[in-house]
Amino acid sequence: MEETVDLTEQAAEQMLELFQQFGLRHFSFVPPEHFIRLQQQLESSERGSGDRVCNYPLLLRIFTILVHVEIPPTMSELGIELEMPLSSTTRVVDWLVRANIIERAGDPDDRRIVRVRLTETGWQIYHAGMDFNKKQVMNLLAIFTPEEQEQLLQLINKLINRIPSENNLSI
């Protein structure tokens, strides 16, 4: 039985990676229930701003992009990946900076370039969300035998690899 649990955990990790790849191609996948801490931070950063500039599918996409790039993107690169105008991207980034989720960082090679990356708090929220999602996926995978889990992963890989990706940020 222990081997099944280990395989299920391994399969869950692989599934999460696949879901993230899927999330890079589509806007919404993970429900927002596990973002309690994030929600509190975002609500506190909204007070007095008068508008709500972000939604959970967009947040998921931003987290996924920032986690999977080797070099943090510039505002322009992030906007291109999000398929948003630079002005909208700037509003979202400003909001997430106020919430201490992401930060602006200088480029070591060019002082004129500003990049965006997750803060330590942003990373903690990301990991908490991934841990929650992994448990959810493990619960779903528990109904399958190890062989079925492997077959399912192969089939989902096949499916996701057929979905075209319009933008690439060297992920």
N, C-alpha and C. Protein backbone atom coordinates (compact mmCIF):
# COMPACT_ATOMS: atom_id res chain seq x y z
N MET A 1 0.82 -1.20 0.00
CA MET A 1 0.00 0.00 0.00
C MET A 1 0.86 1.27 0.00
N GLU A 2 2.01 1.22 0.67
CA GLU A 2 2.91 2.37 0.73
C GLU A 2 3.38 2.77 -0.66
N GLU A 3 3.64 1.77 -1.52
CA GLU A 3 4.09 2.06 -2.88
C GLU A 3 3.02 2.83 -3.65
N THR A 4 1.75 2.47 -3.46
CA THR A 4 0.65 3.18 -4.13
C THR A 4 0.61 4.64 -3.70
N VAL A 5 0.81 4.90 -2.41
CA VAL A 5 0.81 6.29 -1.92
C VAL A 5 1.96 7.06 -2.55
N ASP A 6 3.15 6.45 -2.59
CA ASP A 6 4.30 7.12 -3.20
C ASP A 6 4.06 7.41 -4.67
N LEU A 7 3.50 6.43 -5.39
CA LEU A 7 3.21 6.65 -6.81
C LEU A 7 2.15 7.71 -7.00
N THR A 8 1.14 7.72 -6.12
CA THR A 8 0.09 8.73 -6.21
C THR A 8 0.67 10.11 -5.97
N GLU A 9 1.57 10.24 -5.01
CA GLU A 9 2.20 11.54 -4.75
C GLU A 9 3.05 11.97 -5.94
N GLN A 10 3.80 11.03 -6.49
CA GLN A 10 4.62 11.34 -7.67
C GLN A 10 3.71 11.73 -8.84
N ALA A 11 2.64 10.99 -9.03
CA ALA A 11 1.70 11.32 -10.11
C ALA A 11 1.06 12.67 -9.87
N ALA A 12 0.74 12.99 -8.61
CA ALA A 12 0.14 14.29 -8.29
C ALA A 12 1.09 15.42 -8.63
N GLU A 13 2.37 15.25 -8.32
CA GLU A 13 3.35 16.28 -8.67
C GLU A 13 3.43 16.47 -10.18
N GLN A 14 3.41 15.37 -10.90
CA GLN A 14 3.44 15.46 -12.36
C GLN A 14 2.17 16.11 -12.89
N MET A 15 1.03 15.77 -12.28
CA MET A 15 -0.24 16.38 -12.70
C MET A 15 -0.22 17.89 -12.45
N LEU A 16 0.31 18.30 -11.31
CA LEU A 16 0.37 19.74 -11.03
C LEU A 16 1.20 20.46 -12.08
N GLU A 17 2.30 19.86 -12.47
CA GLU A 17 3.12 20.46 -13.52
C GLU A 17 2.33 20.57 -14.82
N LEU A 18 1.57 19.53 -15.13
CA LEU A 18 0.73 19.56 -16.32
C LEU A 18 -0.35 20.63 -16.21
N PHE A 19 -0.97 20.74 -15.04
CA PHE A 19 -2.00 21.76 -14.84
C PHE A 19 -1.42 23.15 -15.00
N GLN A 20 -0.20 23.34 -14.52
CA GLN A 20 0.43 24.65 -14.69
C GLN A 20 0.69 24.92 -16.17
N GLN A 21 1.12 23.92 -16.90
CA GLN A 21 1.31 24.09 -18.34
C GLN A 21 -0.02 24.43 -19.00
N PHE A 22 -1.07 23.76 -18.57
CA PHE A 22 -2.41 24.04 -19.08
C PHE A 22 -2.81 25.47 -18.72
N GLY A 23 -2.51 25.87 -17.49
CA GLY A 23 -2.85 27.22 -17.03
C GLY A 23 -2.13 28.31 -17.82
N LEU A 24 -0.96 28.00 -18.33
CA LEU A 24 -0.24 28.97 -19.15
C LEU A 24 -0.93 29.18 -20.49
N ARG A 25 -1.71 28.22 -20.91
CA ARG A 25 -2.39 28.30 -22.19
C ARG A 25 -3.84 28.77 -22.05
N HIS A 26 -4.40 28.65 -20.87
CA HIS A 26 -5.79 29.02 -20.63
C HIS A 26 -5.88 29.86 -19.37
N PHE A 27 -6.95 30.62 -19.26
CA PHE A 27 -7.05 31.60 -18.20
C PHE A 27 -7.42 31.05 -16.83
N SER A 28 -8.29 30.07 -16.75
CA SER A 28 -8.78 29.65 -15.45
C SER A 28 -8.67 28.14 -15.27
N PHE A 29 -8.18 27.72 -14.12
CA PHE A 29 -8.15 26.29 -13.85
C PHE A 29 -8.32 25.99 -12.37
N VAL A 30 -7.58 26.62 -11.50
CA VAL A 30 -7.62 26.30 -10.08
C VAL A 30 -8.62 27.22 -9.36
N PRO A 31 -9.53 26.65 -8.58
CA PRO A 31 -10.48 27.48 -7.83
C PRO A 31 -9.77 28.27 -6.74
N PRO A 32 -10.33 29.41 -6.36
CA PRO A 32 -9.63 30.31 -5.44
C PRO A 32 -9.74 29.96 -3.95
N GLU A 33 -10.35 28.86 -3.56
CA GLU A 33 -10.60 28.59 -2.15
C GLU A 33 -9.33 28.59 -1.28
N HIS A 34 -8.23 28.16 -1.81
CA HIS A 34 -7.01 28.05 -1.02
C HIS A 34 -6.24 29.37 -0.92
N PHE A 35 -6.77 30.43 -1.46
CA PHE A 35 -6.09 31.71 -1.44
C PHE A 35 -6.57 32.61 -0.29
N ILE A 36 -6.88 32.04 0.86
CA ILE A 36 -7.42 32.82 1.97
C ILE A 36 -6.45 33.92 2.39
N ARG A 37 -5.19 33.55 2.59
CA ARG A 37 -4.19 34.54 2.99
C ARG A 37 -4.00 35.59 1.90
N LEU A 38 -3.95 35.13 0.68
CA LEU A 38 -3.82 36.05 -0.45
C LEU A 38 -5.01 37.00 -0.50
N GLN A 39 -6.19 36.46 -0.33
CA GLN A 39 -7.39 37.29 -0.37
C GLN A 39 -7.34 38.38 0.70
N GLN A 40 -6.90 38.03 1.89
CA GLN A 40 -6.80 39.02 2.96
C GLN A 40 -5.80 40.12 2.60
N GLN A 41 -4.66 39.72 2.05
CA GLN A 41 -3.67 40.72 1.67
C GLN A 41 -4.18 41.61 0.55
N LEU A 42 -4.84 41.01 -0.41
CA LEU A 42 -5.34 41.80 -1.53
C LEU A 42 -6.45 42.75 -1.09
N GLU A 43 -7.33 42.28 -0.22
CA GLU A 43 -8.39 43.15 0.28
C GLU A 43 -7.81 44.33 1.05
N SER A 44 -6.78 44.07 1.85
CA SER A 44 -6.19 45.18 2.60
C SER A 44 -5.48 46.17 1.67
N SER A 45 -4.93 45.69 0.56
CA SER A 45 -4.27 46.59 -0.38
C SER A 45 -5.27 47.36 -1.23
N GLU A 46 -6.51 46.86 -1.32
CA GLU A 46 -7.55 47.54 -2.10
C GLU A 46 -8.17 48.71 -1.35
N ARG A 47 -8.16 48.65 -0.03
CA ARG A 47 -8.83 49.68 0.75
C ARG A 47 -8.37 51.06 0.34
N GLY A 48 -9.31 51.85 -0.03
CA GLY A 48 -9.02 53.21 -0.42
C GLY A 48 -8.63 53.38 -1.87
N SER A 49 -8.41 52.27 -2.58
CA SER A 49 -8.00 52.42 -3.98
C SER A 49 -9.19 52.64 -4.89
N GLY A 50 -10.38 52.19 -4.45
CA GLY A 50 -11.58 52.47 -5.23
C GLY A 50 -11.87 51.49 -6.34
N ASP A 51 -10.94 50.62 -6.69
CA ASP A 51 -11.24 49.67 -7.75
C ASP A 51 -10.57 48.32 -7.48
N ARG A 52 -11.14 47.32 -8.05
CA ARG A 52 -10.60 45.96 -7.95
C ARG A 52 -9.99 45.64 -9.31
N VAL A 53 -8.68 45.57 -9.35
CA VAL A 53 -8.01 45.45 -10.64
C VAL A 53 -7.63 44.03 -11.00
N CYS A 54 -7.92 43.06 -10.15
CA CYS A 54 -7.45 41.72 -10.40
C CYS A 54 -8.53 40.69 -10.14
N ASN A 55 -8.39 39.53 -10.74
CA ASN A 55 -9.29 38.41 -10.49
C ASN A 55 -8.44 37.16 -10.31
N TYR A 56 -9.05 36.13 -9.75
CA TYR A 56 -8.27 34.94 -9.42
C TYR A 56 -7.66 34.23 -10.62
N PRO A 57 -8.38 34.07 -11.73
CA PRO A 57 -7.71 33.45 -12.88
C PRO A 57 -6.48 34.24 -13.33
N LEU A 58 -6.58 35.57 -13.28
CA LEU A 58 -5.43 36.39 -13.64
C LEU A 58 -4.30 36.20 -12.63
N LEU A 59 -4.63 36.15 -11.35
CA LEU A 59 -3.61 35.92 -10.32
C LEU A 59 -2.92 34.58 -10.54
N LEU A 60 -3.69 33.55 -10.83
CA LEU A 60 -3.11 32.23 -11.07
C LEU A 60 -2.15 32.29 -12.24
N ARG A 61 -2.54 32.97 -13.28
CA ARG A 61 -1.69 33.08 -14.47
C ARG A 61 -0.40 33.85 -14.15
N ILE A 62 -0.51 34.92 -13.37
CA ILE A 62 0.68 35.70 -12.98
C ILE A 62 1.62 34.84 -12.14
N PHE A 63 1.07 34.14 -11.13
CA PHE A 63 1.90 33.26 -10.31
C PHE A 63 2.60 32.23 -11.19
N THR A 64 1.87 31.60 -12.08
CA THR A 64 2.43 30.55 -12.93
C THR A 64 3.54 31.10 -13.81
N ILE A 65 3.33 32.27 -14.37
CA ILE A 65 4.36 32.88 -15.22
C ILE A 65 5.61 33.18 -14.40
N LEU A 66 5.44 33.84 -13.25
CA LEU A 66 6.60 34.26 -12.46
C LEU A 66 7.37 33.07 -11.88
N VAL A 67 6.69 31.98 -11.61
CA VAL A 67 7.35 30.80 -11.07
C VAL A 67 8.14 30.06 -12.14
N HIS A 68 7.69 30.11 -13.37
CA HIS A 68 8.29 29.27 -14.41
C HIS A 68 9.30 29.98 -15.31
N VAL A 69 9.57 31.23 -15.10
CA VAL A 69 10.57 31.90 -15.93
C VAL A 69 11.93 31.89 -15.23
N GLU A 70 12.98 31.75 -16.02
CA GLU A 70 14.33 31.79 -15.45
C GLU A 70 14.70 33.22 -15.05
N ILE A 71 14.41 34.15 -15.93
CA ILE A 71 14.71 35.57 -15.69
C ILE A 71 13.38 36.27 -15.48
N PRO A 72 13.22 37.00 -14.36
CA PRO A 72 11.95 37.70 -14.15
C PRO A 72 11.62 38.59 -15.35
N PRO A 73 10.35 38.61 -15.75
CA PRO A 73 9.97 39.40 -16.92
C PRO A 73 9.95 40.90 -16.63
N THR A 74 10.09 41.67 -17.69
CA THR A 74 9.86 43.11 -17.59
C THR A 74 8.35 43.31 -17.59
N MET A 75 7.93 44.54 -17.32
CA MET A 75 6.50 44.85 -17.35
C MET A 75 5.94 44.57 -18.74
N SER A 76 6.67 44.94 -19.77
CA SER A 76 6.22 44.69 -21.15
C SER A 76 6.08 43.20 -21.44
N GLU A 77 7.08 42.43 -21.03
CA GLU A 77 7.03 40.97 -21.25
C GLU A 77 5.86 40.34 -20.51
N LEU A 78 5.63 40.78 -19.28
CA LEU A 78 4.50 40.26 -18.51
C LEU A 78 3.18 40.62 -19.19
N GLY A 79 3.07 41.85 -19.64
CA GLY A 79 1.86 42.27 -20.34
C GLY A 79 1.61 41.47 -21.61
N ILE A 80 2.67 41.18 -22.35
CA ILE A 80 2.53 40.37 -23.56
C ILE A 80 2.05 38.97 -23.20
N GLU A 81 2.66 38.38 -22.19
CA GLU A 81 2.28 37.03 -21.77
C GLU A 81 0.84 36.99 -21.26
N LEU A 82 0.41 38.04 -20.58
CA LEU A 82 -0.96 38.12 -20.06
C LEU A 82 -1.96 38.58 -21.12
N GLU A 83 -1.43 39.01 -22.27
CA GLU A 83 -2.26 39.55 -23.34
C GLU A 83 -3.07 40.75 -22.84
N MET A 84 -2.36 41.65 -22.15
CA MET A 84 -2.96 42.86 -21.59
C MET A 84 -2.14 44.07 -22.03
N PRO A 85 -2.80 45.22 -22.15
CA PRO A 85 -2.03 46.44 -22.43
C PRO A 85 -1.10 46.77 -21.26
N LEU A 86 -0.05 47.49 -21.55
CA LEU A 86 0.93 47.84 -20.53
C LEU A 86 0.28 48.63 -19.39
N SER A 87 -0.67 49.49 -19.69
CA SER A 87 -1.31 50.28 -18.63
C SER A 87 -2.07 49.37 -17.66
N SER A 88 -2.76 48.37 -18.17
CA SER A 88 -3.48 47.42 -17.30
C SER A 88 -2.51 46.56 -16.51
N THR A 89 -1.44 46.14 -17.16
CA THR A 89 -0.42 45.34 -16.48
C THR A 89 0.18 46.15 -15.34
N THR A 90 0.44 47.42 -15.58
CA THR A 90 1.01 48.28 -14.55
C THR A 90 0.07 48.41 -13.36
N ARG A 91 -1.23 48.58 -13.61
CA ARG A 91 -2.21 48.67 -12.51
C ARG A 91 -2.23 47.40 -11.68
N VAL A 92 -2.20 46.25 -12.35
CA VAL A 92 -2.21 44.96 -11.64
C VAL A 92 -0.93 44.81 -10.82
N VAL A 93 0.21 45.12 -11.43
CA VAL A 93 1.49 45.02 -10.72
C VAL A 93 1.51 45.97 -9.53
N ASP A 94 1.06 47.21 -9.71
CA ASP A 94 1.01 48.16 -8.60
C ASP A 94 0.20 47.59 -7.43
N TRP A 95 -0.94 47.00 -7.75
CA TRP A 95 -1.82 46.42 -6.73
C TRP A 95 -1.12 45.26 -6.01
N LEU A 96 -0.46 44.39 -6.77
CA LEU A 96 0.23 43.25 -6.16
C LEU A 96 1.48 43.67 -5.39
N VAL A 97 2.09 44.78 -5.78
CA VAL A 97 3.21 45.32 -5.01
C VAL A 97 2.70 45.85 -3.67
N ARG A 98 1.58 46.59 -3.69
CA ARG A 98 0.99 47.07 -2.44
C ARG A 98 0.60 45.93 -1.51
N ALA A 99 0.22 44.80 -2.08
CA ALA A 99 -0.17 43.62 -1.29
C ALA A 99 1.05 42.78 -0.89
N ASN A 100 2.25 43.20 -1.27
CA ASN A 100 3.50 42.50 -0.96
C ASN A 100 3.54 41.09 -1.56
N ILE A 101 2.93 40.93 -2.73
CA ILE A 101 2.93 39.64 -3.42
C ILE A 101 4.06 39.59 -4.44
N ILE A 102 4.24 40.69 -5.16
CA ILE A 102 5.35 40.78 -6.11
C ILE A 102 6.11 42.07 -5.84
N GLU A 103 7.30 42.15 -6.42
CA GLU A 103 8.12 43.34 -6.26
C GLU A 103 8.77 43.68 -7.59
N ARG A 104 9.10 44.94 -7.71
CA ARG A 104 9.87 45.38 -8.87
C ARG A 104 11.34 45.27 -8.51
N ALA A 105 12.13 44.82 -9.45
CA ALA A 105 13.56 44.66 -9.21
C ALA A 105 14.33 45.18 -10.41
N GLY A 106 15.44 45.79 -10.14
CA GLY A 106 16.28 46.27 -11.22
C GLY A 106 16.98 45.13 -11.93
N ASP A 107 17.37 45.39 -13.15
CA ASP A 107 18.12 44.41 -13.93
C ASP A 107 19.60 44.66 -13.66
N PRO A 108 20.35 43.63 -13.30
CA PRO A 108 21.76 43.85 -12.99
C PRO A 108 22.59 44.31 -14.19
N ASP A 109 22.11 44.05 -15.39
CA ASP A 109 22.86 44.41 -16.59
C ASP A 109 22.46 45.76 -17.19
N ASP A 110 21.28 46.25 -16.80
CA ASP A 110 20.79 47.50 -17.38
C ASP A 110 19.87 48.18 -16.36
N ARG A 111 20.34 49.28 -15.79
CA ARG A 111 19.58 49.97 -14.74
C ARG A 111 18.25 50.53 -15.23
N ARG A 112 18.09 50.68 -16.53
CA ARG A 112 16.84 51.23 -17.07
C ARG A 112 15.71 50.20 -17.06
N ILE A 113 16.06 48.93 -16.97
CA ILE A 113 15.07 47.85 -17.04
C ILE A 113 14.56 47.51 -15.65
N VAL A 114 13.24 47.38 -15.54
CA VAL A 114 12.62 46.97 -14.28
C VAL A 114 11.92 45.63 -14.52
N ARG A 115 12.22 44.69 -13.68
CA ARG A 115 11.63 43.35 -13.78
C ARG A 115 10.70 43.14 -12.59
N VAL A 116 9.78 42.17 -12.73
CA VAL A 116 8.86 41.86 -11.63
C VAL A 116 9.07 40.41 -11.22
N ARG A 117 9.02 40.19 -9.91
CA ARG A 117 9.20 38.84 -9.37
C ARG A 117 8.40 38.69 -8.08
N LEU A 118 8.19 37.45 -7.69
CA LEU A 118 7.47 37.18 -6.45
C LEU A 118 8.32 37.59 -5.25
N THR A 119 7.65 38.11 -4.24
CA THR A 119 8.32 38.38 -2.96
C THR A 119 8.37 37.08 -2.17
N GLU A 120 9.00 37.10 -1.03
CA GLU A 120 9.00 35.92 -0.15
C GLU A 120 7.57 35.55 0.22
N THR A 121 6.75 36.55 0.50
CA THR A 121 5.33 36.30 0.80
C THR A 121 4.63 35.68 -0.40
N GLY A 122 4.92 36.18 -1.57
CA GLY A 122 4.33 35.61 -2.78
C GLY A 122 4.71 34.15 -2.96
N TRP A 123 5.97 33.83 -2.71
CA TRP A 123 6.41 32.44 -2.80
C TRP A 123 5.70 31.57 -1.76
N GLN A 124 5.53 32.08 -0.55
CA GLN A 124 4.84 31.32 0.50
C GLN A 124 3.39 31.03 0.09
N ILE A 125 2.74 32.03 -0.46
CA ILE A 125 1.36 31.84 -0.92
C ILE A 125 1.31 30.83 -2.05
N TYR A 126 2.24 30.93 -2.97
CA TYR A 126 2.30 29.99 -4.09
C TYR A 126 2.47 28.56 -3.58
N HIS A 127 3.45 28.36 -2.68
CA HIS A 127 3.70 27.01 -2.17
C HIS A 127 2.51 26.48 -1.38
N ALA A 128 1.87 27.33 -0.59
CA ALA A 128 0.68 26.89 0.16
C ALA A 128 -0.42 26.46 -0.81
N GLY A 129 -0.61 27.21 -1.87
CA GLY A 129 -1.61 26.85 -2.87
C GLY A 129 -1.27 25.56 -3.58
N MET A 130 0.00 25.38 -3.94
CA MET A 130 0.41 24.15 -4.61
C MET A 130 0.28 22.94 -3.69
N ASP A 131 0.61 23.11 -2.41
CA ASP A 131 0.44 22.01 -1.46
C ASP A 131 -1.03 21.61 -1.36
N PHE A 132 -1.90 22.60 -1.27
CA PHE A 132 -3.34 22.33 -1.22
C PHE A 132 -3.79 21.60 -2.48
N ASN A 133 -3.38 22.11 -3.63
CA ASN A 133 -3.77 21.49 -4.90
C ASN A 133 -3.22 20.07 -5.03
N LYS A 134 -2.00 19.85 -4.55
CA LYS A 134 -1.42 18.52 -4.61
C LYS A 134 -2.26 17.53 -3.81
N LYS A 135 -2.70 17.94 -2.64
CA LYS A 135 -3.56 17.07 -1.82
C LYS A 135 -4.87 16.79 -2.53
N GLN A 136 -5.43 17.79 -3.16
CA GLN A 136 -6.67 17.60 -3.90
C GLN A 136 -6.47 16.61 -5.06
N VAL A 137 -5.36 16.76 -5.80
CA VAL A 137 -5.08 15.87 -6.91
C VAL A 137 -4.81 14.45 -6.40
N MET A 138 -4.10 14.33 -5.28
CA MET A 138 -3.85 13.01 -4.72
C MET A 138 -5.16 12.32 -4.36
N ASN A 139 -6.10 13.09 -3.81
CA ASN A 139 -7.42 12.51 -3.50
C ASN A 139 -8.11 12.02 -4.77
N LEU A 140 -8.00 12.79 -5.84
CA LEU A 140 -8.61 12.39 -7.11
C LEU A 140 -7.92 11.15 -7.68
N LEU A 141 -6.60 11.12 -7.61
CA LEU A 141 -5.85 10.01 -8.19
C LEU A 141 -5.97 8.72 -7.40
N ALA A 142 -6.37 8.81 -6.16
CA ALA A 142 -6.45 7.63 -5.29
C ALA A 142 -7.42 6.58 -5.84
N ILE A 143 -8.36 6.97 -6.68
CA ILE A 143 -9.30 6.00 -7.24
C ILE A 143 -8.67 5.15 -8.34
N PHE A 144 -7.49 5.55 -8.82
CA PHE A 144 -6.82 4.84 -9.90
C PHE A 144 -5.72 3.93 -9.35
N THR A 145 -5.47 2.84 -10.05
CA THR A 145 -4.32 2.00 -9.74
C THR A 145 -3.07 2.75 -10.20
N PRO A 146 -1.89 2.33 -9.74
CA PRO A 146 -0.66 2.98 -10.22
C PRO A 146 -0.54 2.93 -11.75
N GLU A 147 -0.95 1.83 -12.34
CA GLU A 147 -0.88 1.71 -13.80
C GLU A 147 -1.83 2.70 -14.47
N GLU A 148 -3.03 2.85 -13.91
CA GLU A 148 -4.00 3.80 -14.46
C GLU A 148 -3.51 5.23 -14.29
N GLN A 149 -2.87 5.51 -13.16
CA GLN A 149 -2.31 6.85 -12.94
C GLN A 149 -1.27 7.16 -14.01
N GLU A 150 -0.41 6.20 -14.29
CA GLU A 150 0.63 6.40 -15.30
C GLU A 150 -0.01 6.62 -16.68
N GLN A 151 -1.00 5.83 -17.00
CA GLN A 151 -1.69 5.97 -18.28
C GLN A 151 -2.39 7.33 -18.38
N LEU A 152 -3.04 7.73 -17.30
CA LEU A 152 -3.72 9.03 -17.27
C LEU A 152 -2.73 10.17 -17.50
N LEU A 153 -1.60 10.11 -16.83
CA LEU A 153 -0.58 11.14 -17.01
C LEU A 153 -0.08 11.18 -18.45
N GLN A 154 0.12 10.02 -19.04
CA GLN A 154 0.56 9.98 -20.44
C GLN A 154 -0.49 10.60 -21.36
N LEU A 155 -1.75 10.29 -21.09
CA LEU A 155 -2.83 10.83 -21.92
C LEU A 155 -2.98 12.33 -21.74
N ILE A 156 -2.88 12.80 -20.51
CA ILE A 156 -2.99 14.25 -20.28
C ILE A 156 -1.80 14.97 -20.90
N ASN A 157 -0.60 14.38 -20.78
CA ASN A 157 0.57 14.95 -21.45
C ASN A 157 0.33 15.07 -22.94
N LYS A 158 -0.19 14.03 -23.52
CA LYS A 158 -0.48 14.02 -24.96
C LYS A 158 -1.46 15.13 -25.31
N LEU A 159 -2.48 15.27 -24.49
CA LEU A 159 -3.49 16.31 -24.71
C LEU A 159 -2.89 17.71 -24.59
N ILE A 160 -2.19 17.96 -23.52
CA ILE A 160 -1.64 19.30 -23.28
C ILE A 160 -0.60 19.67 -24.33
N ASN A 161 0.18 18.69 -24.76
CA ASN A 161 1.18 18.98 -25.79
C ASN A 161 0.56 19.34 -27.13
N ARG A 162 -0.71 19.04 -27.31
CA ARG A 162 -1.41 19.39 -28.55
C ARG A 162 -2.04 20.79 -28.48
N ILE A 163 -2.10 21.37 -27.29
CA ILE A 163 -2.68 22.71 -27.14
C ILE A 163 -1.62 23.73 -27.54
N PRO A 164 -1.92 24.54 -28.54
CA PRO A 164 -0.90 25.52 -28.97
C PRO A 164 -0.70 26.61 -27.92
N SER A 165 0.53 27.02 -27.76
CA SER A 165 0.86 28.12 -26.88
C SER A 165 1.21 29.31 -27.75
N GLU A 166 0.45 30.39 -27.60
CA GLU A 166 0.66 31.56 -28.45
C GLU A 166 1.86 32.40 -28.02
N ASN A 167 2.12 32.44 -26.73
CA ASN A 167 3.22 33.26 -26.21
C ASN A 167 4.23 32.37 -25.54
N ASN A 168 5.49 32.72 -25.61
CA ASN A 168 6.54 31.97 -24.93
C ASN A 168 7.46 32.94 -24.21
N LEU A 169 7.65 32.69 -22.90
CA LEU A 169 8.58 33.48 -22.11
C LEU A 169 9.75 32.60 -21.66
N SER A 170 10.16 31.67 -22.50
CA SER A 170 11.26 30.75 -22.19
C SER A 170 10.99 29.95 -20.93
N ILE A 171 9.82 29.39 -20.87
CA ILE A 171 9.44 28.59 -19.69
C ILE A 171 9.99 27.18 -19.84
